[in-house]
Amino acid sequence: MMCLSRPYLSEIEAPARAEVDAPPGLTLLEFGTSWCGHCRAAQPALTEALPQHAQWHHIWVEDGPIWKV
């Protein structure tokens, strides 16, 4: 299983819309879960692209139930 560079924020931790809109520039608002195959499959592309755009703000938000394994 691929390890995400940061954990997704829970519904409680997720920023309000005003907080997402506040920083200048672009914000990548990524919804996903650590157990989702599609979410994990997107990580290599994001990991490669984000360093090239250091001015972007990247926010991870949990989008689905948290499964206890």
C-alpha atoms as a PDB file:
ATOM      1  CA  MET A   1       0.000   0.000   0.000  1.00  0.00           C
ATOM      2  CA  MET A   2       1.298   3.430  -0.906  1.00  0.00           C
ATOM      3  CA  CYS A   3       1.856   5.767   1.997  1.00  0.00           C
ATOM      4  CA  LEU A   4       0.324   9.202   1.536  1.00  0.00           C
ATOM      5  CA  SER A   5       2.588  12.149   2.197  1.00  0.00           C
ATOM      6  CA  ARG A   6       0.017  13.583   4.580  1.00  0.00           C
ATOM      7  CA  PRO A   7      -3.148  12.255   6.160  1.00  0.00           C
ATOM      8  CA  TYR A   8      -6.473  13.470   4.839  1.00  0.00           C
ATOM      9  CA  LEU A   9      -8.278  15.915   7.105  1.00  0.00           C
ATOM     10  CA  SER A  10     -11.463  14.612   8.682  1.00  0.00           C
ATOM     11  CA  GLU A  11     -14.808  16.329   8.215  1.00  0.00           C
ATOM     12  CA  ILE A  12     -14.220  18.060  11.560  1.00  0.00           C
ATOM     13  CA  GLU A  13     -10.676  19.183  10.651  1.00  0.00           C
ATOM     14  CA  ALA A  14     -11.484  20.275   7.089  1.00  0.00           C
ATOM     15  CA  PRO A  15     -11.263  24.005   6.474  1.00  0.00           C
ATOM     16  CA  ALA A  16     -14.307  26.174   5.888  1.00  0.00           C
ATOM     17  CA  ARG A  17     -14.867  27.528   2.390  1.00  0.00           C
ATOM     18  CA  ALA A  18     -13.574  30.964   3.422  1.00  0.00           C
ATOM     19  CA  GLU A  19     -10.296  29.355   4.607  1.00  0.00           C
ATOM     20  CA  VAL A  20      -9.870  27.579   1.271  1.00  0.00           C
ATOM     21  CA  ASP A  21     -10.528  30.805  -0.640  1.00  0.00           C
ATOM     22  CA  ALA A  22      -8.332  33.019   1.606  1.00  0.00           C
ATOM     23  CA  PRO A  23      -4.766  32.190   0.458  1.00  0.00           C
ATOM     24  CA  PRO A  24      -3.591  34.015  -2.650  1.00  0.00           C
ATOM     25  CA  GLY A  25      -3.026  31.927  -5.748  1.00  0.00           C
ATOM     26  CA  LEU A  26      -4.287  28.467  -6.561  1.00  0.00           C
ATOM     27  CA  THR A  27      -5.485  25.838  -4.109  1.00  0.00           C
ATOM     28  CA  LEU A  28      -5.622  22.142  -4.924  1.00  0.00           C
ATOM     29  CA  LEU A  29      -8.432  20.740  -2.807  1.00  0.00           C
ATOM     30  CA  GLU A  30      -7.964  16.964  -2.888  1.00  0.00           C
ATOM     31  CA  PHE A  31     -10.802  14.774  -1.673  1.00  0.00           C
ATOM     32  CA  GLY A  32     -10.036  11.125  -1.017  1.00  0.00           C
ATOM     33  CA  THR A  33      -9.316   8.362   1.444  1.00  0.00           C
ATOM     34  CA  SER A  34      -6.210   6.425   2.315  1.00  0.00           C
ATOM     35  CA  TRP A  35      -7.920   3.122   1.455  1.00  0.00           C
ATOM     36  CA  CYS A  36      -9.258   4.163  -1.981  1.00  0.00           C
ATOM     37  CA  GLY A  37      -7.440   2.601  -4.925  1.00  0.00           C
ATOM     38  CA  HIS A  38      -8.218   5.533  -7.221  1.00  0.00           C
ATOM     39  CA  CYS A  39      -6.996   8.030  -4.613  1.00  0.00           C
ATOM     40  CA  ARG A  40      -3.771   6.083  -4.105  1.00  0.00           C
ATOM     41  CA  ALA A  41      -3.289   5.728  -7.863  1.00  0.00           C
ATOM     42  CA  ALA A  42      -3.386   9.532  -8.235  1.00  0.00           C
ATOM     43  CA  GLN A  43      -0.614  10.060  -5.683  1.00  0.00           C
ATOM     44  CA  PRO A  44       2.412   9.495  -7.979  1.00  0.00           C
ATOM     45  CA  ALA A  45       1.165  12.146 -10.438  1.00  0.00           C
ATOM     46  CA  LEU A  46       0.442  14.597  -7.621  1.00  0.00           C
ATOM     47  CA  THR A  47       3.771  13.855  -5.951  1.00  0.00           C
ATOM     48  CA  GLU A  48       5.526  14.623  -9.235  1.00  0.00           C
ATOM     49  CA  ALA A  49       3.496  17.732 -10.130  1.00  0.00           C
ATOM     50  CA  LEU A  50       3.277  19.541  -6.805  1.00  0.00           C
ATOM     51  CA  PRO A  51       6.992  20.305  -6.312  1.00  0.00           C
ATOM     52  CA  GLN A  52       6.923  22.062  -9.674  1.00  0.00           C
ATOM     53  CA  HIS A  53       4.182  24.357  -8.339  1.00  0.00           C
ATOM     54  CA  ALA A  54       5.340  25.283  -4.848  1.00  0.00           C
ATOM     55  CA  GLN A  55       3.054  28.330  -4.870  1.00  0.00           C
ATOM     56  CA  TRP A  56      -0.032  26.093  -4.875  1.00  0.00           C
ATOM     57  CA  HIS A  57      -1.782  25.355  -1.600  1.00  0.00           C
ATOM     58  CA  HIS A  58      -2.626  21.642  -1.275  1.00  0.00           C
ATOM     59  CA  ILE A  59      -5.371  20.585   1.129  1.00  0.00           C
ATOM     60  CA  TRP A  60      -6.372  16.948   1.693  1.00  0.00           C
ATOM     61  CA  VAL A  61      -9.951  16.272   2.845  1.00  0.00           C
ATOM     62  CA  GLU A  62     -11.329  12.856   3.823  1.00  0.00           C
ATOM     63  CA  ASP A  63     -14.125  11.907   1.426  1.00  0.00           C
ATOM     64  CA  GLY A  64     -15.734   8.765   2.688  1.00  0.00           C
ATOM     65  CA  PRO A  65     -16.004   6.634   5.772  1.00  0.00           C
ATOM     66  CA  ILE A  66     -12.854   5.898   7.710  1.00  0.00           C
ATOM     67  CA  TRP A  67     -12.437   2.134   7.746  1.00  0.00           C
ATOM     68  CA  LYS A  68     -10.845   0.558  10.772  1.00  0.00           C
ATOM     69  CA  VAL A  69      -8.761  -2.441   9.754  1.00  0.00           C
END
